[in-house]
PDB file of all heavy atoms in Angstrom:
ATOM      1  N   ALA A   1       0.817  -1.212   0.000  1.00  0.00           N
ATOM      2  CA  ALA A   1       0.000   0.000   0.000  1.00  0.00           C
ATOM      3  C   ALA A   1       0.851   1.263   0.000  1.00  0.00           C
ATOM      4  O   ALA A   1       0.453   2.297  -0.550  1.00  0.00           O
ATOM      5  CB  ALA A   1      -0.931  -0.008   1.217  1.00  0.00           C
ATOM      6  N   ALA A   2       2.041   1.189   0.603  1.00  0.00           N
ATOM      7  CA  ALA A   2       2.930   2.345   0.671  1.00  0.00           C
ATOM      8  C   ALA A   2       3.639   2.621  -0.651  1.00  0.00           C
ATOM      9  O   ALA A   2       4.228   3.692  -0.825  1.00  0.00           O
ATOM     10  CB  ALA A   2       3.965   2.153   1.773  1.00  0.00           C
ATOM     11  N   GLY A   3       3.611   1.643  -1.580  1.00  0.00           N
ATOM     12  CA  GLY A   3       4.176   1.895  -2.899  1.00  0.00           C
ATOM     13  C   GLY A   3       5.216   0.927  -3.391  1.00  0.00           C
ATOM     14  O   GLY A   3       5.847   1.161  -4.425  1.00  0.00           O
ATOM     15  N   ALA A   4       5.421  -0.189  -2.698  1.00  0.00           N
ATOM     16  CA  ALA A   4       6.414  -1.176  -3.147  1.00  0.00           C
ATOM     17  C   ALA A   4       5.993  -1.802  -4.476  1.00  0.00           C
ATOM     18  O   ALA A   4       4.821  -2.123  -4.674  1.00  0.00           O
ATOM     19  CB  ALA A   4       6.579  -2.271  -2.095  1.00  0.00           C
ATOM     20  N   ASP A   5       6.962  -1.989  -5.365  1.00  0.00           N
ATOM     21  CA  ASP A   5       6.735  -2.711  -6.617  1.00  0.00           C
ATOM     22  C   ASP A   5       7.217  -4.151  -6.510  1.00  0.00           C
ATOM     23  O   ASP A   5       6.754  -5.016  -7.248  1.00  0.00           O
ATOM     24  CB  ASP A   5       7.468  -2.024  -7.770  1.00  0.00           C
ATOM     25  CG  ASP A   5       6.880  -0.663  -8.099  1.00  0.00           C
ATOM     26  OD1 ASP A   5       5.671  -0.608  -8.382  1.00  0.00           O
ATOM     27  OD2 ASP A   5       7.616   0.336  -8.056  1.00  0.00           O
ATOM     28  N   SER A   6       8.176  -4.376  -5.622  1.00  0.00           N
ATOM     29  CA  SER A   6       8.615  -5.742  -5.325  1.00  0.00           C
ATOM     30  C   SER A   6       8.969  -5.813  -3.846  1.00  0.00           C
ATOM     31  O   SER A   6       9.372  -4.809  -3.248  1.00  0.00           O
ATOM     32  CB  SER A   6       9.818  -6.157  -6.175  1.00  0.00           C
ATOM     33  OG  SER A   6      10.998  -5.525  -5.726  1.00  0.00           O
ATOM     34  N   ILE A   7       8.825  -6.994  -3.286  1.00  0.00           N
ATOM     35  CA  ILE A   7       9.156  -7.208  -1.876  1.00  0.00           C
ATOM     36  C   ILE A   7      10.019  -8.460  -1.774  1.00  0.00           C
ATOM     37  O   ILE A   7       9.631  -9.533  -2.249  1.00  0.00           O
ATOM     38  CB  ILE A   7       7.893  -7.358  -1.010  1.00  0.00           C
ATOM     39  CG1 ILE A   7       7.095  -6.041  -0.997  1.00  0.00           C
ATOM     40  CG2 ILE A   7       8.267  -7.763   0.424  1.00  0.00           C
ATOM     41  CD1 ILE A   7       5.780  -6.111  -0.244  1.00  0.00           C
ATOM     42  N   THR A   8      11.190  -8.282  -1.172  1.00  0.00           N
ATOM     43  CA  THR A   8      12.118  -9.396  -0.955  1.00  0.00           C
ATOM     44  C   THR A   8      12.175  -9.712   0.525  1.00  0.00           C
ATOM     45  O   THR A   8      12.372  -8.821   1.357  1.00  0.00           O
ATOM     46  CB  THR A   8      13.524  -9.035  -1.471  1.00  0.00           C
ATOM     47  OG1 THR A   8      13.450  -8.804  -2.881  1.00  0.00           O
ATOM     48  CG2 THR A   8      14.523 -10.147  -1.180  1.00  0.00           C
ATOM     49  N   ILE A   9      12.005 -10.979   0.838  1.00  0.00           N
ATOM     50  CA  ILE A   9      12.041 -11.426   2.233  1.00  0.00           C
ATOM     51  C   ILE A   9      13.241 -12.358   2.433  1.00  0.00           C
ATOM     52  O   ILE A   9      13.797 -12.876   1.466  1.00  0.00           O
ATOM     53  CB  ILE A   9      10.713 -12.121   2.637  1.00  0.00           C
ATOM     54  CG1 ILE A   9      10.335 -13.235   1.622  1.00  0.00           C
ATOM     55  CG2 ILE A   9       9.581 -11.102   2.682  1.00  0.00           C
ATOM     56  CD1 ILE A   9      10.729 -14.612   2.005  1.00  0.00           C
ATOM     57  N   HIS A  10      13.629 -12.546   3.688  1.00  0.00           N
ATOM     58  CA  HIS A  10      14.768 -13.415   3.987  1.00  0.00           C
ATOM     59  C   HIS A  10      14.307 -14.829   4.309  1.00  0.00           C
ATOM     60  O   HIS A  10      13.407 -15.024   5.126  1.00  0.00           O
ATOM     61  CB  HIS A  10      15.576 -12.853   5.158  1.00  0.00           C
ATOM     62  CG  HIS A  10      16.715 -12.000   4.712  1.00  0.00           C
ATOM     63  ND1 HIS A  10      17.988 -12.479   4.520  1.00  0.00           N
ATOM     64  CD2 HIS A  10      16.747 -10.697   4.365  1.00  0.00           C
ATOM     65  CE1 HIS A  10      18.761 -11.493   4.100  1.00  0.00           C
ATOM     66  NE2 HIS A  10      18.030 -10.400   3.992  1.00  0.00           N
ATOM     67  N   LEU A  11      14.956 -15.781   3.663  1.00  0.00           N
ATOM     68  CA  LEU A  11      14.698 -17.192   3.955  1.00  0.00           C
ATOM     69  C   LEU A  11      14.817 -17.464   5.449  1.00  0.00           C
ATOM     70  O   LEU A  11      14.002 -18.187   6.039  1.00  0.00           O
ATOM     71  CB  LEU A  11      15.704 -18.047   3.181  1.00  0.00           C
ATOM     72  CG  LEU A  11      15.644 -19.556   3.394  1.00  0.00           C
ATOM     73  CD1 LEU A  11      14.379 -20.134   2.779  1.00  0.00           C
ATOM     74  CD2 LEU A  11      16.876 -20.228   2.783  1.00  0.00           C
ATOM     75  N   GLU A  12      15.823 -16.854   6.076  1.00  0.00           N
ATOM     76  CA  GLU A  12      16.121 -17.126   7.490  1.00  0.00           C
ATOM     77  C   GLU A  12      15.141 -16.471   8.463  1.00  0.00           C
ATOM     78  O   GLU A  12      15.136 -16.793   9.647  1.00  0.00           O
ATOM     79  CB  GLU A  12      17.534 -16.622   7.822  1.00  0.00           C
ATOM     80  CG  GLU A  12      18.640 -17.152   6.933  1.00  0.00           C
ATOM     81  CD  GLU A  12      18.924 -16.257   5.732  1.00  0.00           C
ATOM     82  OE1 GLU A  12      18.094 -15.355   5.451  1.00  0.00           O
ATOM     83  OE2 GLU A  12      19.969 -16.449   5.086  1.00  0.00           O
ATOM     84  N   ALA A  13      14.307 -15.540   7.958  1.00  0.00           N
ATOM     85  CA  ALA A  13      13.451 -14.751   8.850  1.00  0.00           C
ATOM     86  C   ALA A  13      11.998 -15.209   8.876  1.00  0.00           C
ATOM     87  O   ALA A  13      11.176 -14.612   9.570  1.00  0.00           O
ATOM     88  CB  ALA A  13      13.502 -13.277   8.446  1.00  0.00           C
ATOM     89  N   CYS A  14      11.684 -16.270   8.113  1.00  0.00           N
ATOM     90  CA  CYS A  14      10.288 -16.691   7.969  1.00  0.00           C
ATOM     91  C   CYS A  14      10.045 -18.074   8.552  1.00  0.00           C
ATOM     92  O   CYS A  14      10.739 -19.030   8.189  1.00  0.00           O
ATOM     93  CB  CYS A  14       9.887 -16.712   6.498  1.00  0.00           C
ATOM     94  SG  CYS A  14      10.097 -15.151   5.652  1.00  0.00           S
ATOM     95  N   GLU A  15       9.037 -18.197   9.387  1.00  0.00           N
ATOM     96  CA  GLU A  15       8.630 -19.512   9.869  1.00  0.00           C
ATOM     97  C   GLU A  15       8.003 -20.317   8.744  1.00  0.00           C
ATOM     98  O   GLU A  15       8.205 -21.517   8.638  1.00  0.00           O
ATOM     99  CB  GLU A  15       7.641 -19.364  11.026  1.00  0.00           C
ATOM    100  CG  GLU A  15       7.251 -20.680  11.665  1.00  0.00           C
ATOM    101  CD  GLU A  15       6.350 -20.516  12.877  1.00  0.00           C
ATOM    102  OE1 GLU A  15       6.378 -19.436  13.500  1.00  0.00           O
ATOM    103  OE2 GLU A  15       5.627 -21.464  13.191  1.00  0.00           O
ATOM    104  N   ASP A  16       7.231 -19.624   7.875  1.00  0.00           N
ATOM    105  CA  ASP A  16       6.579 -20.282   6.738  1.00  0.00           C
ATOM    106  C   ASP A  16       6.912 -19.485   5.478  1.00  0.00           C
ATOM    107  O   ASP A  16       6.217 -18.516   5.137  1.00  0.00           O
ATOM    108  CB  ASP A  16       5.070 -20.352   6.973  1.00  0.00           C
ATOM    109  CG  ASP A  16       4.345 -21.223   5.948  1.00  0.00           C
ATOM    110  OD1 ASP A  16       4.874 -21.367   4.816  1.00  0.00           O
ATOM    111  OD2 ASP A  16       3.256 -21.743   6.260  1.00  0.00           O
ATOM    112  N   VAL A  17       7.974 -19.880   4.798  1.00  0.00           N
ATOM    113  CA  VAL A  17       8.421 -19.161   3.605  1.00  0.00           C
ATOM    114  C   VAL A  17       7.356 -19.194   2.516  1.00  0.00           C
ATOM    115  O   VAL A  17       7.063 -18.178   1.881  1.00  0.00           O
ATOM    116  CB  VAL A  17       9.738 -19.758   3.069  1.00  0.00           C
ATOM    117  CG1 VAL A  17      10.153 -19.089   1.769  1.00  0.00           C
ATOM    118  CG2 VAL A  17      10.849 -19.618   4.102  1.00  0.00           C
ATOM    119  N   GLY A  18       6.740 -20.353   2.319  1.00  0.00           N
ATOM    120  CA  GLY A  18       5.732 -20.499   1.284  1.00  0.00           C
ATOM    121  C   GLY A  18       4.552 -19.560   1.471  1.00  0.00           C
ATOM    122  O   GLY A  18       4.102 -18.909   0.526  1.00  0.00           O
ATOM    123  N   ALA A  19       4.067 -19.469   2.698  1.00  0.00           N
ATOM    124  CA  ALA A  19       2.933 -18.584   2.987  1.00  0.00           C
ATOM    125  C   ALA A  19       3.306 -17.129   2.783  1.00  0.00           C
ATOM    126  O   ALA A  19       2.493 -16.320   2.305  1.00  0.00           O
ATOM    127  CB  ALA A  19       2.451 -18.813   4.412  1.00  0.00           C
ATOM    128  N   THR A  20       4.549 -16.779   3.115  1.00  0.00           N
ATOM    129  CA  THR A  20       5.001 -15.397   2.966  1.00  0.00           C
ATOM    130  C   THR A  20       5.083 -15.010   1.496  1.00  0.00           C
ATOM    131  O   THR A  20       4.624 -13.935   1.093  1.00  0.00           O
ATOM    132  CB  THR A  20       6.361 -15.188   3.656  1.00  0.00           C
ATOM    133  OG1 THR A  20       6.278 -15.657   5.003  1.00  0.00           O
ATOM    134  CG2 THR A  20       6.747 -13.725   3.669  1.00  0.00           C
ATOM    135  N   LEU A  21       5.653 -15.895   0.679  1.00  0.00           N
ATOM    136  CA  LEU A  21       5.725 -15.616  -0.752  1.00  0.00           C
ATOM    137  C   LEU A  21       4.328 -15.578  -1.383  1.00  0.00           C
ATOM    138  O   LEU A  21       4.048 -14.745  -2.261  1.00  0.00           O
ATOM    139  CB  LEU A  21       6.579 -16.676  -1.449  1.00  0.00           C
ATOM    140  CG  LEU A  21       8.075 -16.654  -1.104  1.00  0.00           C
ATOM    141  CD1 LEU A  21       8.778 -17.854  -1.735  1.00  0.00           C
ATOM    142  CD2 LEU A  21       8.730 -15.354  -1.558  1.00  0.00           C
ATOM    143  N   LYS A  22       3.460 -16.443  -0.920  1.00  0.00           N
ATOM    144  CA  LYS A  22       2.078 -16.446  -1.418  1.00  0.00           C
ATOM    145  C   LYS A  22       1.373 -15.133  -1.098  1.00  0.00           C
ATOM    146  O   LYS A  22       0.611 -14.595  -1.911  1.00  0.00           O
ATOM    147  CB  LYS A  22       1.311 -17.625  -0.797  1.00  0.00           C
ATOM    148  CG  LYS A  22      -0.071 -17.855  -1.386  1.00  0.00           C
ATOM    149  CD  LYS A  22      -0.709 -19.106  -0.795  1.00  0.00           C
ATOM    150  CE  LYS A  22      -2.103 -19.328  -1.369  1.00  0.00           C
ATOM    151  NZ  LYS A  22      -2.742 -20.533  -0.788  1.00  0.00           N
ATOM    152  N   LYS A  23       1.655 -14.584   0.083  1.00  0.00           N
ATOM    153  CA  LYS A  23       1.068 -13.303   0.495  1.00  0.00           C
ATOM    154  C   LYS A  23       1.549 -12.175  -0.421  1.00  0.00           C
ATOM    155  O   LYS A  23       0.770 -11.296  -0.817  1.00  0.00           O
ATOM    156  CB  LYS A  23       1.474 -13.001   1.937  1.00  0.00           C
ATOM    157  CG  LYS A  23       0.865 -11.741   2.522  1.00  0.00           C
ATOM    158  CD  LYS A  23      -0.567 -11.972   2.943  1.00  0.00           C
ATOM    159  CE  LYS A  23      -1.074 -10.820   3.787  1.00  0.00           C
ATOM    160  NZ  LYS A  23      -2.464 -11.022   4.182  1.00  0.00           N
ATOM    161  N   ILE A  24       2.847 -12.208  -0.771  1.00  0.00           N
ATOM    162  CA  ILE A  24       3.385 -11.184  -1.679  1.00  0.00           C
ATOM    163  C   ILE A  24       2.692 -11.281  -3.032  1.00  0.00           C
ATOM    164  O   ILE A  24       2.273 -10.268  -3.608  1.00  0.00           O
ATOM    165  CB  ILE A  24       4.911 -11.348  -1.835  1.00  0.00           C
ATOM    166  CG1 ILE A  24       5.611 -11.116  -0.492  1.00  0.00           C
ATOM    167  CG2 ILE A  24       5.446 -10.366  -2.882  1.00  0.00           C
ATOM    168  CD1 ILE A  24       7.096 -11.453  -0.502  1.00  0.00           C
ATOM    169  N   ARG A  25       2.557 -12.496  -3.541  1.00  0.00           N
ATOM    170  CA  ARG A  25       1.878 -12.705  -4.825  1.00  0.00           C
ATOM    171  C   ARG A  25       0.429 -12.209  -4.775  1.00  0.00           C
ATOM    172  O   ARG A  25      -0.073 -11.606  -5.734  1.00  0.00           O
ATOM    173  CB  ARG A  25       1.878 -14.187  -5.181  1.00  0.00           C
ATOM    174  CG  ARG A  25       3.240 -14.748  -5.530  1.00  0.00           C
ATOM    175  CD  ARG A  25       3.713 -14.228  -6.851  1.00  0.00           C
ATOM    176  NE  ARG A  25       4.875 -14.954  -7.333  1.00  0.00           N
ATOM    177  CZ  ARG A  25       5.774 -14.445  -8.143  1.00  0.00           C
ATOM    178  NH1 ARG A  25       5.660 -13.186  -8.542  1.00  0.00           N
ATOM    179  NH2 ARG A  25       6.791 -15.155  -8.564  1.00  0.00           N
ATOM    180  N   ALA A  26      -0.227 -12.454  -3.654  1.00  0.00           N
ATOM    181  CA  ALA A  26      -1.625 -12.032  -3.508  1.00  0.00           C
ATOM    182  C   ALA A  26      -1.758 -10.511  -3.564  1.00  0.00           C
ATOM    183  O   ALA A  26      -2.806  -9.997  -3.966  1.00  0.00           O
ATOM    184  CB  ALA A  26      -2.197 -12.571  -2.204  1.00  0.00           C
ATOM    185  N   CYS A  27      -0.694  -9.826  -3.185  1.00  0.00           N
ATOM    186  CA  CYS A  27      -0.709  -8.354  -3.219  1.00  0.00           C
ATOM    187  C   CYS A  27      -0.319  -7.809  -4.592  1.00  0.00           C
ATOM    188  O   CYS A  27      -0.242  -6.591  -4.786  1.00  0.00           O
ATOM    189  CB  CYS A  27       0.234  -7.804  -2.148  1.00  0.00           C
ATOM    190  SG  CYS A  27      -0.395  -8.020  -0.465  1.00  0.00           S
TER     191      CYS A  27
END
């Protein structure tokens, strides 16, 4: 909502990497 065109997350920082990437795709 703030204006990101892409979002990169850290493999090491996520309990559920798949869900996090799915959330980015949903946005």
